Amino acid sequence: MLELTQRQAEILTLIRARLEEQGTPPTREELARALQLASPNTVDFHLRALARKGYLELVPGHRNIRLKEAAALPGRGLPLVGRVAAGSPILAEENIEGYFHQCNELFRLRPHFLLRVQGMSMCDAGIAHGDLLAVHRTQEARDGQVVVARLDDEATVKRLRRKGRQLWLLPENPAFQPSEVDLKRQALVIEGIAVGVIRAIR
């Protein structure tokens, strides 16, 4: 199949997510809102390009997007992690909702799993409840990066802040309080760093 632009890959990923979660494709208006585009006409332009490239076909009807088989099922995909059970490994079977077929063109760094975001503590960083956070698995993270961290067996998404031997997990929403981590008393494990967000269709 022909190579995709980043925007086309993002639209294709949103369509796959909607089909896998709800069984129906999104409308152009829903795609435009998810991508924060002013007009559904821009979405239509990209959908027609995806149709020309063989990834989908446009059929009559309101939700008229149909993925071609090769685009819909490109292998098993990334594990999609839902609510993480306390004390269990993040990729434990009980935490995985399913497998998500995605496009690597979307992400600067290769993701190893997707995490369904719970809550609004990171909304000012553009990460909202229901979004899918693409995570590159690593135990190393730099100051200022958004991380998936396990603190005392609870998984959380926060911005990492280091200053000397001090460490904080910072929310991106003034309604939430930062967590200062006392590494002498608390167990902190970095599960990975955020490499991108697939926005929930609202």
N, C-alpha and C. Protein backbone atom coordinates (compact mmCIF):
# COMPACT_ATOMS: atom_id res chain seq x y z
N MET A 1 0.83 -1.20 0.00
CA MET A 1 0.00 0.00 0.00
C MET A 1 0.87 1.26 0.00
N LEU A 2 0.31 2.37 -0.48
CA LEU A 2 1.05 3.61 -0.57
C LEU A 2 1.28 4.21 0.81
N GLU A 3 2.36 4.99 0.93
CA GLU A 3 2.73 5.61 2.20
C GLU A 3 1.71 6.67 2.59
N LEU A 4 1.50 6.81 3.90
CA LEU A 4 0.54 7.78 4.43
C LEU A 4 1.25 9.03 4.94
N THR A 5 0.55 10.17 4.85
CA THR A 5 1.01 11.35 5.58
C THR A 5 0.66 11.14 7.06
N GLN A 6 1.23 11.98 7.92
CA GLN A 6 0.95 11.84 9.35
C GLN A 6 -0.53 12.06 9.63
N ARG A 7 -1.16 13.04 9.00
CA ARG A 7 -2.59 13.30 9.24
C ARG A 7 -3.44 12.13 8.75
N GLN A 8 -3.10 11.56 7.60
CA GLN A 8 -3.86 10.41 7.11
C GLN A 8 -3.72 9.22 8.06
N ALA A 9 -2.52 9.00 8.59
CA ALA A 9 -2.30 7.91 9.54
C ALA A 9 -3.11 8.14 10.81
N GLU A 10 -3.18 9.40 11.25
CA GLU A 10 -3.95 9.71 12.46
C GLU A 10 -5.44 9.44 12.24
N ILE A 11 -5.96 9.84 11.08
CA ILE A 11 -7.38 9.60 10.78
C ILE A 11 -7.65 8.10 10.70
N LEU A 12 -6.77 7.37 10.05
CA LEU A 12 -6.95 5.93 9.92
C LEU A 12 -6.95 5.26 11.30
N THR A 13 -6.08 5.73 12.19
CA THR A 13 -6.00 5.19 13.54
C THR A 13 -7.29 5.46 14.32
N LEU A 14 -7.83 6.66 14.19
CA LEU A 14 -9.09 6.99 14.85
C LEU A 14 -10.24 6.13 14.35
N ILE A 15 -10.27 5.89 13.05
CA ILE A 15 -11.31 5.04 12.48
C ILE A 15 -11.20 3.62 13.03
N ARG A 16 -9.98 3.08 13.08
CA ARG A 16 -9.78 1.74 13.63
C ARG A 16 -10.23 1.67 15.08
N ALA A 17 -9.86 2.70 15.86
CA ALA A 17 -10.22 2.71 17.28
C ALA A 17 -11.73 2.68 17.45
N ARG A 18 -12.44 3.49 16.68
CA ARG A 18 -13.90 3.54 16.80
C ARG A 18 -14.53 2.21 16.38
N LEU A 19 -14.03 1.63 15.31
CA LEU A 19 -14.56 0.34 14.85
C LEU A 19 -14.32 -0.76 15.88
N GLU A 20 -13.13 -0.77 16.48
CA GLU A 20 -12.81 -1.82 17.45
C GLU A 20 -13.59 -1.66 18.74
N GLU A 21 -13.87 -0.40 19.13
CA GLU A 21 -14.53 -0.16 20.41
C GLU A 21 -16.06 -0.20 20.27
N GLN A 22 -16.62 0.31 19.16
CA GLN A 22 -18.07 0.44 19.05
C GLN A 22 -18.68 -0.28 17.86
N GLY A 23 -17.84 -0.73 16.94
CA GLY A 23 -18.37 -1.48 15.80
C GLY A 23 -18.90 -0.64 14.67
N THR A 24 -18.87 0.69 14.81
CA THR A 24 -19.32 1.58 13.75
C THR A 24 -18.25 2.62 13.48
N PRO A 25 -18.13 3.08 12.22
CA PRO A 25 -17.12 4.11 11.93
C PRO A 25 -17.58 5.47 12.42
N PRO A 26 -16.65 6.39 12.66
CA PRO A 26 -17.03 7.75 13.05
C PRO A 26 -17.56 8.53 11.86
N THR A 27 -18.28 9.61 12.16
CA THR A 27 -18.69 10.54 11.11
C THR A 27 -17.56 11.53 10.86
N ARG A 28 -17.67 12.29 9.79
CA ARG A 28 -16.67 13.32 9.50
C ARG A 28 -16.64 14.38 10.60
N GLU A 29 -17.82 14.71 11.14
CA GLU A 29 -17.90 15.71 12.20
C GLU A 29 -17.18 15.22 13.45
N GLU A 30 -17.35 13.94 13.79
CA GLU A 30 -16.67 13.38 14.96
C GLU A 30 -15.16 13.36 14.76
N LEU A 31 -14.72 13.02 13.56
CA LEU A 31 -13.28 13.03 13.28
C LEU A 31 -12.72 14.44 13.37
N ALA A 32 -13.47 15.42 12.85
CA ALA A 32 -13.00 16.81 12.89
C ALA A 32 -12.86 17.29 14.34
N ARG A 33 -13.82 16.93 15.21
CA ARG A 33 -13.71 17.32 16.62
C ARG A 33 -12.52 16.65 17.29
N ALA A 34 -12.31 15.37 17.03
CA ALA A 34 -11.20 14.64 17.65
C ALA A 34 -9.86 15.22 17.22
N LEU A 35 -9.78 15.69 15.99
CA LEU A 35 -8.52 16.23 15.45
C LEU A 35 -8.41 17.74 15.64
N GLN A 36 -9.46 18.33 16.24
CA GLN A 36 -9.51 19.78 16.47
C GLN A 36 -9.38 20.57 15.16
N LEU A 37 -10.11 20.09 14.15
CA LEU A 37 -10.16 20.77 12.86
C LEU A 37 -11.43 21.59 12.78
N ALA A 38 -11.34 22.74 12.12
CA ALA A 38 -12.48 23.65 12.06
C ALA A 38 -13.60 23.11 11.18
N SER A 39 -13.25 22.33 10.16
CA SER A 39 -14.26 21.93 9.18
C SER A 39 -14.16 20.45 8.85
N PRO A 40 -15.32 19.75 8.74
CA PRO A 40 -15.31 18.35 8.28
C PRO A 40 -14.82 18.22 6.84
N ASN A 41 -14.80 19.33 6.09
CA ASN A 41 -14.34 19.26 4.70
C ASN A 41 -12.87 18.84 4.62
N THR A 42 -12.08 19.27 5.61
CA THR A 42 -10.67 18.86 5.64
C THR A 42 -10.56 17.35 5.85
N VAL A 43 -11.42 16.82 6.73
CA VAL A 43 -11.45 15.37 6.96
C VAL A 43 -11.82 14.66 5.67
N ASP A 44 -12.81 15.18 4.96
CA ASP A 44 -13.25 14.56 3.72
C ASP A 44 -12.12 14.49 2.69
N PHE A 45 -11.31 15.54 2.63
CA PHE A 45 -10.16 15.57 1.73
C PHE A 45 -9.22 14.40 2.04
N HIS A 46 -8.94 14.18 3.31
CA HIS A 46 -8.03 13.10 3.71
C HIS A 46 -8.67 11.73 3.51
N LEU A 47 -9.98 11.62 3.75
CA LEU A 47 -10.66 10.34 3.53
C LEU A 47 -10.59 9.93 2.07
N ARG A 48 -10.76 10.90 1.18
CA ARG A 48 -10.70 10.58 -0.25
C ARG A 48 -9.28 10.15 -0.65
N ALA A 49 -8.28 10.78 -0.02
CA ALA A 49 -6.90 10.36 -0.29
C ALA A 49 -6.66 8.94 0.21
N LEU A 50 -7.20 8.61 1.38
CA LEU A 50 -7.06 7.26 1.92
C LEU A 50 -7.77 6.24 1.04
N ALA A 51 -8.89 6.64 0.46
CA ALA A 51 -9.60 5.75 -0.46
C ALA A 51 -8.78 5.52 -1.73
N ARG A 52 -8.17 6.59 -2.25
CA ARG A 52 -7.33 6.44 -3.45
C ARG A 52 -6.13 5.54 -3.19
N LYS A 53 -5.61 5.59 -1.97
CA LYS A 53 -4.44 4.78 -1.63
C LYS A 53 -4.80 3.34 -1.26
N GLY A 54 -6.10 3.05 -1.21
CA GLY A 54 -6.52 1.67 -1.00
C GLY A 54 -6.74 1.25 0.44
N TYR A 55 -6.76 2.21 1.37
CA TYR A 55 -6.93 1.86 2.79
C TYR A 55 -8.40 1.73 3.18
N LEU A 56 -9.28 2.42 2.47
CA LEU A 56 -10.70 2.37 2.80
C LEU A 56 -11.52 2.64 1.55
N GLU A 57 -12.83 2.43 1.69
CA GLU A 57 -13.75 2.83 0.62
C GLU A 57 -14.88 3.64 1.23
N LEU A 58 -15.39 4.57 0.45
CA LEU A 58 -16.49 5.42 0.88
C LEU A 58 -17.76 4.91 0.22
N VAL A 59 -18.72 4.50 1.03
CA VAL A 59 -19.96 3.91 0.54
C VAL A 59 -21.12 4.84 0.89
N PRO A 60 -22.29 4.65 0.28
CA PRO A 60 -23.42 5.53 0.61
C PRO A 60 -23.82 5.41 2.08
N GLY A 61 -24.29 6.52 2.65
CA GLY A 61 -24.78 6.52 4.02
C GLY A 61 -24.09 7.55 4.88
N HIS A 62 -24.63 7.71 6.12
CA HIS A 62 -24.13 8.73 7.04
C HIS A 62 -22.74 8.35 7.57
N ARG A 63 -22.58 7.11 8.04
CA ARG A 63 -21.29 6.61 8.51
C ARG A 63 -20.74 5.73 7.38
N ASN A 64 -20.23 6.38 6.36
CA ASN A 64 -20.01 5.69 5.08
C ASN A 64 -18.57 5.27 4.85
N ILE A 65 -17.82 5.06 5.95
CA ILE A 65 -16.42 4.67 5.84
C ILE A 65 -16.30 3.16 6.07
N ARG A 66 -15.67 2.48 5.15
CA ARG A 66 -15.46 1.05 5.31
C ARG A 66 -13.98 0.75 5.07
N LEU A 67 -13.32 0.20 6.09
CA LEU A 67 -11.90 -0.12 5.95
C LEU A 67 -11.72 -1.34 5.06
N LYS A 68 -10.69 -1.28 4.22
CA LYS A 68 -10.31 -2.47 3.47
C LYS A 68 -9.69 -3.48 4.43
N GLU A 69 -9.79 -4.75 4.14
CA GLU A 69 -9.34 -5.79 5.07
C GLU A 69 -7.87 -5.63 5.44
N ALA A 70 -7.04 -5.30 4.48
CA ALA A 70 -5.60 -5.17 4.76
C ALA A 70 -5.32 -4.03 5.72
N ALA A 71 -6.14 -2.97 5.67
CA ALA A 71 -5.94 -1.84 6.56
C ALA A 71 -6.54 -2.11 7.94
N ALA A 72 -7.59 -2.93 7.97
CA ALA A 72 -8.28 -3.16 9.23
C ALA A 72 -7.54 -4.14 10.13
N LEU A 73 -6.81 -5.08 9.55
CA LEU A 73 -6.20 -6.13 10.36
C LEU A 73 -4.72 -6.33 10.02
N PRO A 74 -3.87 -5.36 10.36
CA PRO A 74 -2.44 -5.48 10.05
C PRO A 74 -1.66 -6.21 11.14
N GLY A 75 -2.05 -7.39 11.53
CA GLY A 75 -1.39 -8.10 12.62
C GLY A 75 -2.10 -7.88 13.94
N ARG A 76 -1.50 -8.36 15.01
CA ARG A 76 -2.16 -8.36 16.30
C ARG A 76 -2.29 -6.96 16.88
N GLY A 77 -1.31 -6.12 16.67
CA GLY A 77 -1.38 -4.75 17.16
C GLY A 77 -0.80 -4.58 18.56
N LEU A 78 -0.94 -3.36 19.09
CA LEU A 78 -0.42 -3.03 20.41
C LEU A 78 -1.41 -3.45 21.48
N PRO A 79 -0.92 -3.92 22.64
CA PRO A 79 -1.83 -4.18 23.75
C PRO A 79 -2.44 -2.88 24.25
N LEU A 80 -3.75 -2.90 24.47
CA LEU A 80 -4.48 -1.75 24.99
C LEU A 80 -4.80 -2.01 26.45
N VAL A 81 -4.17 -1.23 27.32
CA VAL A 81 -4.30 -1.43 28.77
C VAL A 81 -5.40 -0.53 29.30
N GLY A 82 -6.32 -1.11 30.05
CA GLY A 82 -7.39 -0.34 30.66
C GLY A 82 -7.04 0.02 32.10
N ARG A 83 -7.98 -0.14 33.02
CA ARG A 83 -7.71 0.16 34.43
C ARG A 83 -6.72 -0.87 34.97
N VAL A 84 -5.64 -0.39 35.54
CA VAL A 84 -4.57 -1.28 36.00
C VAL A 84 -4.88 -1.78 37.41
N ALA A 85 -4.91 -3.08 37.58
CA ALA A 85 -5.15 -3.66 38.89
C ALA A 85 -3.96 -3.40 39.80
N ALA A 86 -4.23 -2.96 41.04
CA ALA A 86 -3.15 -2.65 41.98
C ALA A 86 -2.28 -3.88 42.19
N GLY A 87 -0.96 -3.67 42.11
CA GLY A 87 -0.02 -4.74 42.38
C GLY A 87 0.28 -5.64 41.21
N SER A 88 -0.44 -5.50 40.09
CA SER A 88 -0.20 -6.40 38.96
C SER A 88 0.70 -5.70 37.94
N PRO A 89 1.51 -6.47 37.18
CA PRO A 89 2.30 -5.86 36.10
C PRO A 89 1.38 -5.14 35.12
N ILE A 90 1.86 -4.04 34.56
CA ILE A 90 0.98 -3.22 33.74
C ILE A 90 0.46 -3.97 32.52
N LEU A 91 1.25 -4.92 32.01
CA LEU A 91 0.82 -5.70 30.84
C LEU A 91 0.29 -7.08 31.24
N ALA A 92 -0.14 -7.20 32.49
CA ALA A 92 -0.76 -8.45 32.92
C ALA A 92 -2.06 -8.66 32.15
N GLU A 93 -2.40 -9.94 31.94
CA GLU A 93 -3.56 -10.27 31.11
C GLU A 93 -4.84 -9.59 31.58
N GLU A 94 -5.02 -9.48 32.91
CA GLU A 94 -6.28 -8.91 33.43
C GLU A 94 -6.40 -7.42 33.15
N ASN A 95 -5.28 -6.76 32.80
CA ASN A 95 -5.32 -5.32 32.52
C ASN A 95 -5.55 -5.01 31.04
N ILE A 96 -5.38 -6.00 30.15
CA ILE A 96 -5.42 -5.75 28.72
C ILE A 96 -6.85 -5.88 28.19
N GLU A 97 -7.36 -4.79 27.62
CA GLU A 97 -8.71 -4.78 27.04
C GLU A 97 -8.74 -5.46 25.68
N GLY A 98 -7.66 -5.40 24.98
CA GLY A 98 -7.61 -5.96 23.63
C GLY A 98 -6.34 -5.50 22.95
N TYR A 99 -6.31 -5.67 21.65
CA TYR A 99 -5.13 -5.28 20.87
C TYR A 99 -5.56 -4.27 19.82
N PHE A 100 -4.76 -3.26 19.67
CA PHE A 100 -5.14 -2.10 18.87
C PHE A 100 -4.26 -2.05 17.64
N HIS A 101 -4.89 -1.97 16.48
CA HIS A 101 -4.16 -1.90 15.22
C HIS A 101 -3.88 -0.44 14.90
N GLN A 102 -2.63 -0.06 14.91
CA GLN A 102 -2.26 1.35 14.80
C GLN A 102 -1.22 1.55 13.70
N CYS A 103 -0.90 2.83 13.47
CA CYS A 103 0.10 3.19 12.47
C CYS A 103 1.32 3.78 13.17
N ASN A 104 2.48 3.19 12.97
CA ASN A 104 3.68 3.68 13.63
C ASN A 104 4.08 5.07 13.14
N GLU A 105 3.54 5.49 11.98
CA GLU A 105 3.87 6.81 11.46
C GLU A 105 3.42 7.92 12.40
N LEU A 106 2.50 7.60 13.32
CA LEU A 106 1.97 8.62 14.21
C LEU A 106 2.97 9.05 15.27
N PHE A 107 3.94 8.21 15.59
CA PHE A 107 4.73 8.42 16.78
C PHE A 107 6.21 8.57 16.46
N ARG A 108 6.83 9.54 17.12
CA ARG A 108 8.27 9.79 16.92
C ARG A 108 9.09 8.62 17.44
N LEU A 109 8.69 8.07 18.58
CA LEU A 109 9.37 6.94 19.19
C LEU A 109 8.40 5.76 19.23
N ARG A 110 8.90 4.57 18.97
CA ARG A 110 8.03 3.39 18.86
C ARG A 110 7.30 3.11 20.17
N PRO A 111 5.96 3.02 20.14
CA PRO A 111 5.22 2.66 21.35
C PRO A 111 5.21 1.15 21.54
N HIS A 112 5.11 0.73 22.80
CA HIS A 112 5.02 -0.69 23.13
C HIS A 112 3.62 -1.08 23.61
N PHE A 113 2.88 -0.08 24.12
CA PHE A 113 1.49 -0.35 24.50
C PHE A 113 0.72 0.96 24.54
N LEU A 114 -0.60 0.82 24.56
CA LEU A 114 -1.50 1.96 24.70
C LEU A 114 -2.19 1.86 26.05
N LEU A 115 -2.35 2.99 26.72
CA LEU A 115 -2.99 3.04 28.02
C LEU A 115 -4.23 3.92 27.93
N ARG A 116 -5.38 3.36 28.32
CA ARG A 116 -6.60 4.17 28.33
C ARG A 116 -6.57 5.09 29.56
N VAL A 117 -6.62 6.40 29.32
CA VAL A 117 -6.47 7.38 30.39
C VAL A 117 -7.72 7.41 31.26
N GLN A 118 -7.50 7.40 32.56
CA GLN A 118 -8.57 7.50 33.54
C GLN A 118 -8.46 8.86 34.24
N GLY A 119 -9.52 9.66 34.21
CA GLY A 119 -9.52 10.93 34.92
C GLY A 119 -8.97 12.09 34.10
N MET A 120 -8.96 13.27 34.73
CA MET A 120 -8.64 14.52 34.03
C MET A 120 -7.42 15.22 34.62
N SER A 121 -6.55 14.50 35.33
CA SER A 121 -5.42 15.17 35.99
C SER A 121 -4.39 15.71 35.00
N MET A 122 -4.42 15.25 33.73
CA MET A 122 -3.44 15.71 32.74
C MET A 122 -4.10 16.47 31.59
N CYS A 123 -5.30 17.00 31.82
CA CYS A 123 -6.06 17.60 30.70
C CYS A 123 -5.37 18.82 30.11
N ASP A 124 -4.62 19.60 30.91
CA ASP A 124 -3.96 20.79 30.37
C ASP A 124 -2.76 20.43 29.50
N ALA A 125 -2.36 19.17 29.51
CA ALA A 125 -1.31 18.69 28.59
C ALA A 125 -1.94 18.01 27.38
N GLY A 126 -3.26 18.15 27.23
CA GLY A 126 -3.95 17.55 26.08
C GLY A 126 -4.19 16.07 26.24
N ILE A 127 -4.19 15.57 27.47
CA ILE A 127 -4.42 14.15 27.75
C ILE A 127 -5.66 14.06 28.63
N ALA A 128 -6.78 13.64 28.05
CA ALA A 128 -8.06 13.67 28.75
C ALA A 128 -8.61 12.27 29.00
N HIS A 129 -9.61 12.21 29.86
CA HIS A 129 -10.25 10.93 30.19
C HIS A 129 -10.75 10.24 28.92
N GLY A 130 -10.41 8.96 28.79
CA GLY A 130 -10.84 8.18 27.63
C GLY A 130 -9.86 8.16 26.48
N ASP A 131 -8.89 9.10 26.47
CA ASP A 131 -7.88 9.10 25.41
C ASP A 131 -6.99 7.87 25.54
N LEU A 132 -6.33 7.53 24.44
CA LEU A 132 -5.36 6.44 24.46
C LEU A 132 -3.96 7.05 24.43
N LEU A 133 -3.18 6.76 25.45
CA LEU A 133 -1.82 7.29 25.55
C LEU A 133 -0.86 6.23 25.02
N ALA A 134 -0.08 6.60 24.00
CA ALA A 134 0.93 5.69 23.45
C ALA A 134 2.18 5.78 24.32
N VAL A 135 2.66 4.61 24.76
CA VAL A 135 3.74 4.57 25.75
C VAL A 135 4.90 3.74 25.22
N HIS A 136 6.10 4.34 25.28
CA HIS A 136 7.34 3.62 24.98
C HIS A 136 7.87 3.06 26.30
N ARG A 137 8.01 1.76 26.37
CA ARG A 137 8.39 1.13 27.63
C ARG A 137 9.87 1.36 27.92
N THR A 138 10.15 1.96 29.07
CA THR A 138 11.51 2.21 29.52
C THR A 138 11.45 2.51 31.01
N GLN A 139 12.54 2.24 31.71
CA GLN A 139 12.61 2.60 33.13
C GLN A 139 13.37 3.89 33.34
N GLU A 140 13.83 4.50 32.24
CA GLU A 140 14.56 5.76 32.31
C GLU A 140 13.68 6.90 31.79
N ALA A 141 13.66 7.99 32.52
CA ALA A 141 12.88 9.16 32.09
C ALA A 141 13.62 10.42 32.50
N ARG A 142 13.55 11.43 31.64
CA ARG A 142 14.19 12.71 31.92
C ARG A 142 13.23 13.66 32.62
N ASP A 143 13.81 14.63 33.28
CA ASP A 143 13.03 15.68 33.92
C ASP A 143 12.12 16.35 32.89
N GLY A 144 10.85 16.47 33.22
CA GLY A 144 9.90 17.14 32.35
C GLY A 144 9.11 16.23 31.44
N GLN A 145 9.49 14.96 31.35
CA GLN A 145 8.75 14.04 30.48
C GLN A 145 7.47 13.56 31.16
N VAL A 146 6.45 13.28 30.34
CA VAL A 146 5.22 12.67 30.84
C VAL A 146 5.47 11.17 30.92
N VAL A 147 5.23 10.61 32.10
CA VAL A 147 5.56 9.21 32.35
C VAL A 147 4.33 8.44 32.82
N VAL A 148 4.40 7.13 32.59
CA VAL A 148 3.51 6.20 33.29
C VAL A 148 4.35 5.65 34.43
N ALA A 149 3.92 5.95 35.65
CA ALA A 149 4.70 5.55 36.82
C ALA A 149 3.83 4.71 37.74
N ARG A 150 4.49 3.81 38.46
CA ARG A 150 3.80 3.04 39.48
C ARG A 150 4.36 3.50 40.83
N LEU A 151 3.48 4.09 41.63
CA LEU A 151 3.86 4.59 42.95
C LEU A 151 3.09 3.81 43.99
N ASP A 152 3.83 3.05 44.81
CA ASP A 152 3.18 2.20 45.82
C ASP A 152 2.10 1.32 45.19
N ASP A 153 2.43 0.71 44.05
CA ASP A 153 1.56 -0.25 43.36
C ASP A 153 0.36 0.37 42.64
N GLU A 154 0.27 1.70 42.60
CA GLU A 154 -0.80 2.37 41.85
C GLU A 154 -0.20 3.01 40.60
N ALA A 155 -0.76 2.69 39.43
CA ALA A 155 -0.25 3.26 38.18
C ALA A 155 -0.87 4.63 37.95
N THR A 156 -0.05 5.57 37.46
CA THR A 156 -0.53 6.93 37.24
C THR A 156 0.21 7.54 36.05
N VAL A 157 -0.42 8.53 35.40
CA VAL A 157 0.21 9.30 34.33
C VAL A 157 0.45 10.71 34.86
N LYS A 158 1.71 11.12 34.90
CA LYS A 158 2.05 12.44 35.43
C LYS A 158 3.33 12.94 34.74
N ARG A 159 3.61 14.23 34.94
CA ARG A 159 4.87 14.80 34.46
C ARG A 159 5.93 14.64 35.55
N LEU A 160 7.08 14.12 35.15
CA LEU A 160 8.17 13.87 36.10
C LEU A 160 8.99 15.14 36.31
N ARG A 161 9.24 15.47 37.57
CA ARG A 161 10.09 16.62 37.88
C ARG A 161 11.16 16.17 38.86
N ARG A 162 12.43 16.40 38.49
CA ARG A 162 13.55 16.06 39.36
C ARG A 162 14.31 17.33 39.71
N LYS A 163 14.76 17.42 40.95
CA LYS A 163 15.63 18.51 41.37
C LYS A 163 16.58 17.94 42.42
N GLY A 164 17.81 17.67 42.00
CA GLY A 164 18.74 17.00 42.90
C GLY A 164 18.21 15.61 43.24
N ARG A 165 18.05 15.36 44.52
CA ARG A 165 17.51 14.07 44.96
C ARG A 165 16.01 14.12 45.18
N GLN A 166 15.41 15.29 44.93
CA GLN A 166 13.96 15.40 45.10
C GLN A 166 13.26 15.02 43.80
N LEU A 167 12.07 14.46 43.96
CA LEU A 167 11.32 13.99 42.79
C LEU A 167 9.83 14.24 43.02
N TRP A 168 9.14 14.73 41.98
CA TRP A 168 7.70 14.96 42.05
C TRP A 168 7.02 14.33 40.84
N LEU A 169 5.78 13.96 41.01
CA LEU A 169 4.88 13.60 39.92
C LEU A 169 3.83 14.70 39.84
N LEU A 170 3.87 15.45 38.74
CA LEU A 170 3.05 16.66 38.64
C LEU A 170 1.85 16.44 37.73
N PRO A 171 0.65 16.82 38.19
CA PRO A 171 -0.51 16.82 37.30
C PRO A 171 -0.45 18.03 36.37
N GLU A 172 -1.26 18.01 35.33
CA GLU A 172 -1.40 19.18 34.44
C GLU A 172 -2.85 19.64 34.51
N ASN A 173 -3.28 19.93 35.73
CA ASN A 173 -4.63 20.40 36.00
C ASN A 173 -4.58 21.00 37.41
N PRO A 174 -4.88 22.32 37.55
CA PRO A 174 -4.73 22.97 38.86
C PRO A 174 -5.66 22.41 39.94
N ALA A 175 -6.65 21.63 39.55
CA ALA A 175 -7.55 21.02 40.54
C ALA A 175 -6.90 19.85 41.27
N PHE A 176 -5.74 19.39 40.78
CA PHE A 176 -5.05 18.24 41.37
C PHE A 176 -3.74 18.68 42.01
N GLN A 177 -3.35 17.98 43.07
CA GLN A 177 -2.14 18.32 43.80
C GLN A 177 -0.94 17.51 43.31
N PRO A 178 0.25 18.13 43.26
CA PRO A 178 1.47 17.38 42.94
C PRO A 178 1.75 16.34 44.03
N SER A 179 2.46 15.28 43.64
CA SER A 179 2.88 14.27 44.60
C SER A 179 4.39 14.33 44.74
N GLU A 180 4.87 14.67 45.93
CA GLU A 180 6.30 14.58 46.18
C GLU A 180 6.62 13.16 46.59
N VAL A 181 7.64 12.59 45.97
CA VAL A 181 7.96 11.18 46.19
C VAL A 181 9.16 11.07 47.12
N ASP A 182 8.95 10.37 48.21
CA ASP A 182 10.04 10.09 49.15
C ASP A 182 10.55 8.69 48.83
N LEU A 183 11.66 8.63 48.11
CA LEU A 183 12.16 7.34 47.63
C LEU A 183 12.67 6.45 48.77
N LYS A 184 12.86 7.02 49.96
CA LYS A 184 13.25 6.19 51.10
C LYS A 184 12.06 5.41 51.65
N ARG A 185 10.87 5.97 51.46
CA ARG A 185 9.67 5.33 52.02
C ARG A 185 8.75 4.76 50.95
N GLN A 186 8.84 5.27 49.72
CA GLN A 186 7.89 4.89 48.68
C GLN A 186 8.62 4.19 47.53
N ALA A 187 7.93 3.22 46.95
CA ALA A 187 8.48 2.49 45.80
C ALA A 187 7.97 3.12 44.52
N LEU A 188 8.87 3.65 43.71
CA LEU A 188 8.49 4.26 42.43
C LEU A 188 9.15 3.48 41.30
N VAL A 189 8.34 3.09 40.33
CA VAL A 189 8.83 2.40 39.14
C VAL A 189 8.32 3.14 37.92
N ILE A 190 9.21 3.55 37.03
CA ILE A 190 8.81 4.14 35.76
C ILE A 190 8.49 3.01 34.79
N GLU A 191 7.26 2.98 34.30
CA GLU A 191 6.82 1.95 33.36
C GLU A 191 7.09 2.35 31.91
N GLY A 192 7.14 3.67 31.66
CA GLY A 192 7.38 4.12 30.30
C GLY A 192 7.17 5.62 30.17
N ILE A 193 7.46 6.15 28.98
CA ILE A 193 7.26 7.56 28.70
C ILE A 193 6.21 7.72 27.60
N ALA A 194 5.44 8.77 27.70
CA ALA A 194 4.40 9.04 26.70
C ALA A 194 5.03 9.50 25.40
N VAL A 195 4.59 8.93 24.28
CA VAL A 195 5.12 9.32 22.97
C VAL A 195 4.02 9.86 22.05
N GLY A 196 2.79 9.87 22.52
CA GLY A 196 1.71 10.40 21.69
C GLY A 196 0.35 10.10 22.29
N VAL A 197 -0.66 10.77 21.77
CA VAL A 197 -2.03 10.59 22.27
C VAL A 197 -2.95 10.35 21.08
N ILE A 198 -3.82 9.35 21.22
CA ILE A 198 -4.91 9.15 20.28
C ILE A 198 -6.17 9.62 21.00
N ARG A 199 -6.73 10.72 20.54
CA ARG A 199 -7.84 11.34 21.27
C ARG A 199 -9.11 10.52 21.10
N ALA A 200 -9.84 10.42 22.20
CA ALA A 200 -11.14 9.78 22.16
C ALA A 200 -12.09 10.62 21.31
N ILE A 201 -12.94 9.96 20.53
CA ILE A 201 -13.94 10.67 19.74
C ILE A 201 -15.09 11.04 20.65
N ARG A 202 -15.32 12.34 20.80
CA ARG A 202 -16.35 12.82 21.74
C ARG A 202 -17.50 13.45 20.99
